[in-house]
């Protein structure tokens, strides 16, 4: 059992946020960061067979993409 799980969080172009777990087939979305956190917990309950298998630490790696033009 892993002690932590890492999610890469990105802003969706249409609005809201998406999260993908590294090393697991877990993906979820939310309109706000708070909603996303709740949806991540729900997705973990769906993915793992037993609640005791869910890693106790959930790390969110929030990625914000910016475009910079060099002129």
PDB file of N, CA and C in Angstrom:
ATOM      1  N   UNK A   1       0.848  -1.188   0.000  1.00  0.00           N
ATOM      2  CA  UNK A   1       0.000   0.000   0.000  1.00  0.00           C
ATOM      3  C   UNK A   1       0.889   1.246   0.000  1.00  0.00           C
ATOM      4  N   UNK A   2       0.597   2.172  -0.895  1.00  0.00           N
ATOM      5  CA  UNK A   2       1.313   3.439  -0.938  1.00  0.00           C
ATOM      6  C   UNK A   2       0.834   4.336   0.202  1.00  0.00           C
ATOM      7  N   UNK A   3       1.756   5.153   0.714  1.00  0.00           N
ATOM      8  CA  UNK A   3       1.408   6.063   1.800  1.00  0.00           C
ATOM      9  C   UNK A   3       0.819   7.367   1.288  1.00  0.00           C
ATOM     10  N   UNK A   4       1.104   7.686   0.011  1.00  0.00           N
ATOM     11  CA  UNK A   4       0.540   8.896  -0.560  1.00  0.00           C
ATOM     12  C   UNK A   4       0.228   8.691  -2.033  1.00  0.00           C
ATOM     13  N   UNK A   5      -0.638   9.548  -2.520  1.00  0.00           N
ATOM     14  CA  UNK A   5      -0.999   9.537  -3.926  1.00  0.00           C
ATOM     15  C   UNK A   5      -0.922  10.985  -4.418  1.00  0.00           C
ATOM     16  N   UNK A   6      -0.425  11.162  -5.631  1.00  0.00           N
ATOM     17  CA  UNK A   6      -0.239  12.497  -6.181  1.00  0.00           C
ATOM     18  C   UNK A   6      -1.193  12.696  -7.353  1.00  0.00           C
ATOM     19  N   UNK A   7      -1.879  13.819  -7.338  1.00  0.00           N
ATOM     20  CA  UNK A   7      -2.746  14.218  -8.435  1.00  0.00           C
ATOM     21  C   UNK A   7      -2.173  15.458  -9.102  1.00  0.00           C
ATOM     22  N   UNK A   8      -2.142  15.452 -10.437  1.00  0.00           N
ATOM     23  CA  UNK A   8      -1.793  16.645 -11.196  1.00  0.00           C
ATOM     24  C   UNK A   8      -3.101  17.367 -11.481  1.00  0.00           C
ATOM     25  N   UNK A   9      -3.177  18.612 -11.048  1.00  0.00           N
ATOM     26  CA  UNK A   9      -4.392  19.416 -11.184  1.00  0.00           C
ATOM     27  C   UNK A   9      -4.125  20.522 -12.205  1.00  0.00           C
ATOM     28  N   UNK A  10      -5.027  20.645 -13.164  1.00  0.00           N
ATOM     29  CA  UNK A  10      -4.915  21.680 -14.192  1.00  0.00           C
ATOM     30  C   UNK A  10      -6.240  22.408 -14.332  1.00  0.00           C
ATOM     31  N   UNK A  11      -6.157  23.689 -14.703  1.00  0.00           N
ATOM     32  CA  UNK A  11      -7.371  24.438 -15.026  1.00  0.00           C
ATOM     33  C   UNK A  11      -7.861  23.991 -16.392  1.00  0.00           C
ATOM     34  N   UNK A  12      -9.154  23.749 -16.515  1.00  0.00           N
ATOM     35  CA  UNK A  12      -9.741  23.382 -17.801  1.00  0.00           C
ATOM     36  C   UNK A  12     -10.004  24.636 -18.615  1.00  0.00           C
ATOM     37  N   UNK A  13      -9.769  24.586 -19.926  1.00  0.00           N
ATOM     38  CA  UNK A  13     -10.033  25.759 -20.769  1.00  0.00           C
ATOM     39  C   UNK A  13     -11.493  26.214 -20.713  1.00  0.00           C
ATOM     40  N   UNK A  14     -12.422  25.275 -20.512  1.00  0.00           N
ATOM     41  CA  UNK A  14     -13.849  25.600 -20.447  1.00  0.00           C
ATOM     42  C   UNK A  14     -14.270  26.085 -19.070  1.00  0.00           C
ATOM     43  N   UNK A  15     -13.362  26.039 -18.098  1.00  0.00           N
ATOM     44  CA  UNK A  15     -13.674  26.420 -16.720  1.00  0.00           C
ATOM     45  C   UNK A  15     -13.581  25.235 -15.802  1.00  0.00           C
ATOM     46  N   UNK A  16     -13.296  25.488 -14.550  1.00  0.00           N
ATOM     47  CA  UNK A  16     -13.161  24.419 -13.568  1.00  0.00           C
ATOM     48  C   UNK A  16     -11.768  23.815 -13.590  1.00  0.00           C
ATOM     49  N   UNK A  17     -11.646  22.654 -12.970  1.00  0.00           N
ATOM     50  CA  UNK A  17     -10.356  21.992 -12.810  1.00  0.00           C
ATOM     51  C   UNK A  17     -10.482  20.498 -13.101  1.00  0.00           C
ATOM     52  N   UNK A  18      -9.384  19.899 -13.535  1.00  0.00           N
ATOM     53  CA  UNK A  18      -9.335  18.453 -13.719  1.00  0.00           C
ATOM     54  C   UNK A  18      -8.136  17.922 -12.936  1.00  0.00           C
ATOM     55  N   UNK A  19      -8.246  16.679 -12.494  1.00  0.00           N
ATOM     56  CA  UNK A  19      -7.178  16.052 -11.718  1.00  0.00           C
ATOM     57  C   UNK A  19      -6.954  14.631 -12.217  1.00  0.00           C
ATOM     58  N   UNK A  20      -5.684  14.256 -12.388  1.00  0.00           N
ATOM     59  CA  UNK A  20      -5.296  12.914 -12.822  1.00  0.00           C
ATOM     60  C   UNK A  20      -4.264  12.387 -11.848  1.00  0.00           C
ATOM     61  N   UNK A  21      -4.489  11.189 -11.335  1.00  0.00           N
ATOM     62  CA  UNK A  21      -3.557  10.568 -10.398  1.00  0.00           C
ATOM     63  C   UNK A  21      -2.354  10.022 -11.152  1.00  0.00           C
ATOM     64  N   UNK A  22      -1.188  10.211 -10.590  1.00  0.00           N
ATOM     65  CA  UNK A  22       0.034   9.642 -11.172  1.00  0.00           C
ATOM     66  C   UNK A  22       0.150   8.183 -10.740  1.00  0.00           C
ATOM     67  N   UNK A  23       0.257   7.291 -11.732  1.00  0.00           N
ATOM     68  CA  UNK A  23       0.414   5.874 -11.438  1.00  0.00           C
ATOM     69  C   UNK A  23      -0.878   5.108 -11.229  1.00  0.00           C
ATOM     70  N   UNK A  24      -2.004   5.787 -11.334  1.00  0.00           N
ATOM     71  CA  UNK A  24      -3.315   5.145 -11.169  1.00  0.00           C
ATOM     72  C   UNK A  24      -4.248   5.636 -12.266  1.00  0.00           C
ATOM     73  N   UNK A  25      -5.258   4.859 -12.567  1.00  0.00           N
ATOM     74  CA  UNK A  25      -6.271   5.257 -13.549  1.00  0.00           C
ATOM     75  C   UNK A  25      -7.406   5.975 -12.837  1.00  0.00           C
ATOM     76  N   UNK A  26      -7.092   7.123 -12.270  1.00  0.00           N
ATOM     77  CA  UNK A  26      -8.087   7.911 -11.539  1.00  0.00           C
ATOM     78  C   UNK A  26      -8.095   9.314 -12.139  1.00  0.00           C
ATOM     79  N   UNK A  27      -9.274   9.764 -12.555  1.00  0.00           N
ATOM     80  CA  UNK A  27      -9.445  11.076 -13.154  1.00  0.00           C
ATOM     81  C   UNK A  27     -10.760  11.650 -12.662  1.00  0.00           C
ATOM     82  N   UNK A  28     -10.755  12.948 -12.318  1.00  0.00           N
ATOM     83  CA  UNK A  28     -11.995  13.593 -11.900  1.00  0.00           C
ATOM     84  C   UNK A  28     -11.923  15.078 -12.203  1.00  0.00           C
ATOM     85  N   UNK A  29     -13.065  15.751 -12.048  1.00  0.00           N
ATOM     86  CA  UNK A  29     -13.160  17.172 -12.342  1.00  0.00           C
ATOM     87  C   UNK A  29     -13.983  17.867 -11.272  1.00  0.00           C
ATOM     88  N   UNK A  30     -13.878  19.204 -11.236  1.00  0.00           N
ATOM     89  CA  UNK A  30     -14.692  20.000 -10.326  1.00  0.00           C
ATOM     90  C   UNK A  30     -14.708  21.448 -10.781  1.00  0.00           C
ATOM     91  N   UNK A  31     -15.768  22.158 -10.452  1.00  0.00           N
ATOM     92  CA  UNK A  31     -15.886  23.567 -10.840  1.00  0.00           C
ATOM     93  C   UNK A  31     -14.970  24.457  -9.996  1.00  0.00           C
ATOM     94  N   UNK A  32     -14.762  24.095  -8.737  1.00  0.00           N
ATOM     95  CA  UNK A  32     -13.885  24.838  -7.836  1.00  0.00           C
ATOM     96  C   UNK A  32     -12.855  23.876  -7.261  1.00  0.00           C
ATOM     97  N   UNK A  33     -11.817  24.425  -6.642  1.00  0.00           N
ATOM     98  CA  UNK A  33     -10.809  23.563  -6.006  1.00  0.00           C
ATOM     99  C   UNK A  33     -11.457  22.761  -4.880  1.00  0.00           C
ATOM    100  N   UNK A  34     -12.347  23.378  -4.107  1.00  0.00           N
ATOM    101  CA  UNK A  34     -13.007  22.658  -3.015  1.00  0.00           C
ATOM    102  C   UNK A  34     -13.849  21.498  -3.545  1.00  0.00           C
ATOM    103  N   UNK A  35     -14.600  21.739  -4.615  1.00  0.00           N
ATOM    104  CA  UNK A  35     -15.401  20.665  -5.222  1.00  0.00           C
ATOM    105  C   UNK A  35     -14.488  19.573  -5.771  1.00  0.00           C
ATOM    106  N   UNK A  36     -13.376  19.976  -6.374  1.00  0.00           N
ATOM    107  CA  UNK A  36     -12.423  19.001  -6.902  1.00  0.00           C
ATOM    108  C   UNK A  36     -11.882  18.110  -5.791  1.00  0.00           C
ATOM    109  N   UNK A  37     -11.563  18.684  -4.651  1.00  0.00           N
ATOM    110  CA  UNK A  37     -11.050  17.900  -3.515  1.00  0.00           C
ATOM    111  C   UNK A  37     -12.066  16.853  -3.077  1.00  0.00           C
ATOM    112  N   UNK A  38     -13.339  17.234  -3.005  1.00  0.00           N
ATOM    113  CA  UNK A  38     -14.386  16.277  -2.630  1.00  0.00           C
ATOM    114  C   UNK A  38     -14.529  15.189  -3.690  1.00  0.00           C
ATOM    115  N   UNK A  39     -14.447  15.583  -4.970  1.00  0.00           N
ATOM    116  CA  UNK A  39     -14.555  14.604  -6.054  1.00  0.00           C
ATOM    117  C   UNK A  39     -13.354  13.653  -6.074  1.00  0.00           C
ATOM    118  N   UNK A  40     -12.192  14.136  -5.696  1.00  0.00           N
ATOM    119  CA  UNK A  40     -11.019  13.261  -5.594  1.00  0.00           C
ATOM    120  C   UNK A  40     -11.251  12.205  -4.523  1.00  0.00           C
ATOM    121  N   UNK A  41     -11.769  12.601  -3.386  1.00  0.00           N
ATOM    122  CA  UNK A  41     -12.056  11.638  -2.314  1.00  0.00           C
ATOM    123  C   UNK A  41     -13.076  10.595  -2.783  1.00  0.00           C
ATOM    124  N   UNK A  42     -14.112  11.044  -3.484  1.00  0.00           N
ATOM    125  CA  UNK A  42     -15.115  10.117  -4.015  1.00  0.00           C
ATOM    126  C   UNK A  42     -14.497   9.163  -5.037  1.00  0.00           C
ATOM    127  N   UNK A  43     -13.618   9.700  -5.911  1.00  0.00           N
ATOM    128  CA  UNK A  43     -12.967   8.863  -6.923  1.00  0.00           C
ATOM    129  C   UNK A  43     -12.068   7.819  -6.277  1.00  0.00           C
ATOM    130  N   UNK A  44     -11.409   8.178  -5.188  1.00  0.00           N
ATOM    131  CA  UNK A  44     -10.564   7.208  -4.480  1.00  0.00           C
ATOM    132  C   UNK A  44     -11.402   6.075  -3.893  1.00  0.00           C
ATOM    133  N   UNK A  45     -12.564   6.425  -3.353  1.00  0.00           N
ATOM    134  CA  UNK A  45     -13.462   5.394  -2.812  1.00  0.00           C
ATOM    135  C   UNK A  45     -13.939   4.444  -3.905  1.00  0.00           C
ATOM    136  N   UNK A  46     -14.144   4.966  -5.110  1.00  0.00           N
ATOM    137  CA  UNK A  46     -14.575   4.125  -6.231  1.00  0.00           C
ATOM    138  C   UNK A  46     -13.430   3.261  -6.759  1.00  0.00           C
ATOM    139  N   UNK A  47     -12.207   3.780  -6.733  1.00  0.00           N
ATOM    140  CA  UNK A  47     -11.071   3.076  -7.327  1.00  0.00           C
ATOM    141  C   UNK A  47     -10.565   1.932  -6.457  1.00  0.00           C
ATOM    142  N   UNK A  48     -10.428   2.176  -5.168  1.00  0.00           N
ATOM    143  CA  UNK A  48      -9.877   1.156  -4.264  1.00  0.00           C
ATOM    144  C   UNK A  48     -10.987   0.275  -3.707  1.00  0.00           C
ATOM    145  N   UNK A  49     -10.701  -1.013  -3.589  1.00  0.00           N
ATOM    146  CA  UNK A  49     -11.700  -1.959  -3.098  1.00  0.00           C
ATOM    147  C   UNK A  49     -12.052  -1.736  -1.636  1.00  0.00           C
ATOM    148  N   UNK A  50     -11.056  -1.329  -0.849  1.00  0.00           N
ATOM    149  CA  UNK A  50     -11.255  -1.146   0.579  1.00  0.00           C
ATOM    150  C   UNK A  50     -10.770   0.239   0.982  1.00  0.00           C
ATOM    151  N   UNK A  51     -11.502   0.880   1.855  1.00  0.00           N
ATOM    152  CA  UNK A  51     -11.112   2.209   2.317  1.00  0.00           C
ATOM    153  C   UNK A  51      -9.729   2.186   2.969  1.00  0.00           C
ATOM    154  N   UNK A  52      -9.378   1.071   3.585  1.00  0.00           N
ATOM    155  CA  UNK A  52      -8.066   0.956   4.228  1.00  0.00           C
ATOM    156  C   UNK A  52      -6.921   0.948   3.207  1.00  0.00           C
ATOM    157  N   UNK A  53      -7.223   0.688   1.931  1.00  0.00           N
ATOM    158  CA  UNK A  53      -6.197   0.694   0.877  1.00  0.00           C
ATOM    159  C   UNK A  53      -5.901   2.100   0.342  1.00  0.00           C
ATOM    160  N   UNK A  54      -6.750   3.061   0.660  1.00  0.00           N
ATOM    161  CA  UNK A  54      -6.562   4.415   0.151  1.00  0.00           C
ATOM    162  C   UNK A  54      -5.376   5.058   0.870  1.00  0.00           C
ATOM    163  N   UNK A  55      -4.429   5.608   0.103  1.00  0.00           N
ATOM    164  CA  UNK A  55      -3.293   6.294   0.744  1.00  0.00           C
ATOM    165  C   UNK A  55      -3.797   7.414   1.658  1.00  0.00           C
ATOM    166  N   UNK A  56      -3.139   7.584   2.774  1.00  0.00           N
ATOM    167  CA  UNK A  56      -3.583   8.568   3.767  1.00  0.00           C
ATOM    168  C   UNK A  56      -3.230   9.996   3.373  1.00  0.00           C
ATOM    169  N   UNK A  57      -2.206  10.173   2.532  1.00  0.00           N
ATOM    170  CA  UNK A  57      -1.807  11.511   2.089  1.00  0.00           C
ATOM    171  C   UNK A  57      -2.184  11.663   0.621  1.00  0.00           C
ATOM    172  N   UNK A  58      -2.941  12.707   0.325  1.00  0.00           N
ATOM    173  CA  UNK A  58      -3.325  13.029  -1.046  1.00  0.00           C
ATOM    174  C   UNK A  58      -2.644  14.353  -1.388  1.00  0.00           C
ATOM    175  N   UNK A  59      -1.698  14.292  -2.293  1.00  0.00           N
ATOM    176  CA  UNK A  59      -0.933  15.485  -2.667  1.00  0.00           C
ATOM    177  C   UNK A  59      -1.456  16.016  -4.003  1.00  0.00           C
ATOM    178  N   UNK A  60      -1.737  17.328  -4.034  1.00  0.00           N
ATOM    179  CA  UNK A  60      -2.209  17.969  -5.251  1.00  0.00           C
ATOM    180  C   UNK A  60      -1.078  18.808  -5.824  1.00  0.00           C
ATOM    181  N   UNK A  61      -0.674  18.491  -7.029  1.00  0.00           N
ATOM    182  CA  UNK A  61       0.344  19.260  -7.744  1.00  0.00           C
ATOM    183  C   UNK A  61      -0.418  20.137  -8.729  1.00  0.00           C
ATOM    184  N   UNK A  62      -0.599  21.407  -8.366  1.00  0.00           N
ATOM    185  CA  UNK A  62      -1.416  22.313  -9.167  1.00  0.00           C
ATOM    186  C   UNK A  62      -0.534  22.977 -10.221  1.00  0.00           C
ATOM    187  N   UNK A  63      -0.889  22.736 -11.486  1.00  0.00           N
ATOM    188  CA  UNK A  63      -0.120  23.239 -12.627  1.00  0.00           C
ATOM    189  C   UNK A  63      -0.894  24.389 -13.250  1.00  0.00           C
ATOM    190  N   UNK A  64      -0.224  25.515 -13.383  1.00  0.00           N
ATOM    191  CA  UNK A  64      -0.840  26.656 -14.057  1.00  0.00           C
ATOM    192  C   UNK A  64       0.020  26.990 -15.262  1.00  0.00           C
ATOM    193  N   UNK A  65      -0.579  26.899 -16.411  1.00  0.00           N
ATOM    194  CA  UNK A  65       0.153  27.139 -17.655  1.00  0.00           C
ATOM    195  C   UNK A  65      -0.016  28.593 -18.069  1.00  0.00           C
ATOM    196  N   UNK A  66       1.095  29.227 -18.397  1.00  0.00           N
ATOM    197  CA  UNK A  66       1.073  30.585 -18.916  1.00  0.00           C
ATOM    198  C   UNK A  66       1.892  30.620 -20.192  1.00  0.00           C
ATOM    199  N   UNK A  67       1.468  31.453 -21.129  1.00  0.00           N
ATOM    200  CA  UNK A  67       2.169  31.603 -22.386  1.00  0.00           C
ATOM    201  C   UNK A  67       2.846  32.978 -22.372  1.00  0.00           C
ATOM    202  N   UNK A  68       4.107  32.973 -22.670  1.00  0.00           N
ATOM    203  CA  UNK A  68       4.887  34.203 -22.706  1.00  0.00           C
ATOM    204  C   UNK A  68       5.449  34.369 -24.108  1.00  0.00           C
ATOM    205  N   UNK A  69       5.166  35.507 -24.715  1.00  0.00           N
ATOM    206  CA  UNK A  69       5.678  35.785 -26.057  1.00  0.00           C
ATOM    207  C   UNK A  69       6.975  36.572 -25.938  1.00  0.00           C
ATOM    208  N   UNK A  70       7.966  36.139 -26.664  1.00  0.00           N
ATOM    209  CA  UNK A  70       9.250  36.841 -26.689  1.00  0.00           C
ATOM    210  C   UNK A  70       9.314  37.659 -27.975  1.00  0.00           C
ATOM    211  N   UNK A  71       9.330  38.971 -27.813  1.00  0.00           N
ATOM    212  CA  UNK A  71       9.353  39.817 -29.012  1.00  0.00           C
ATOM    213  C   UNK A  71      10.371  40.920 -28.847  1.00  0.00           C
TER     214      UNK A  71
END
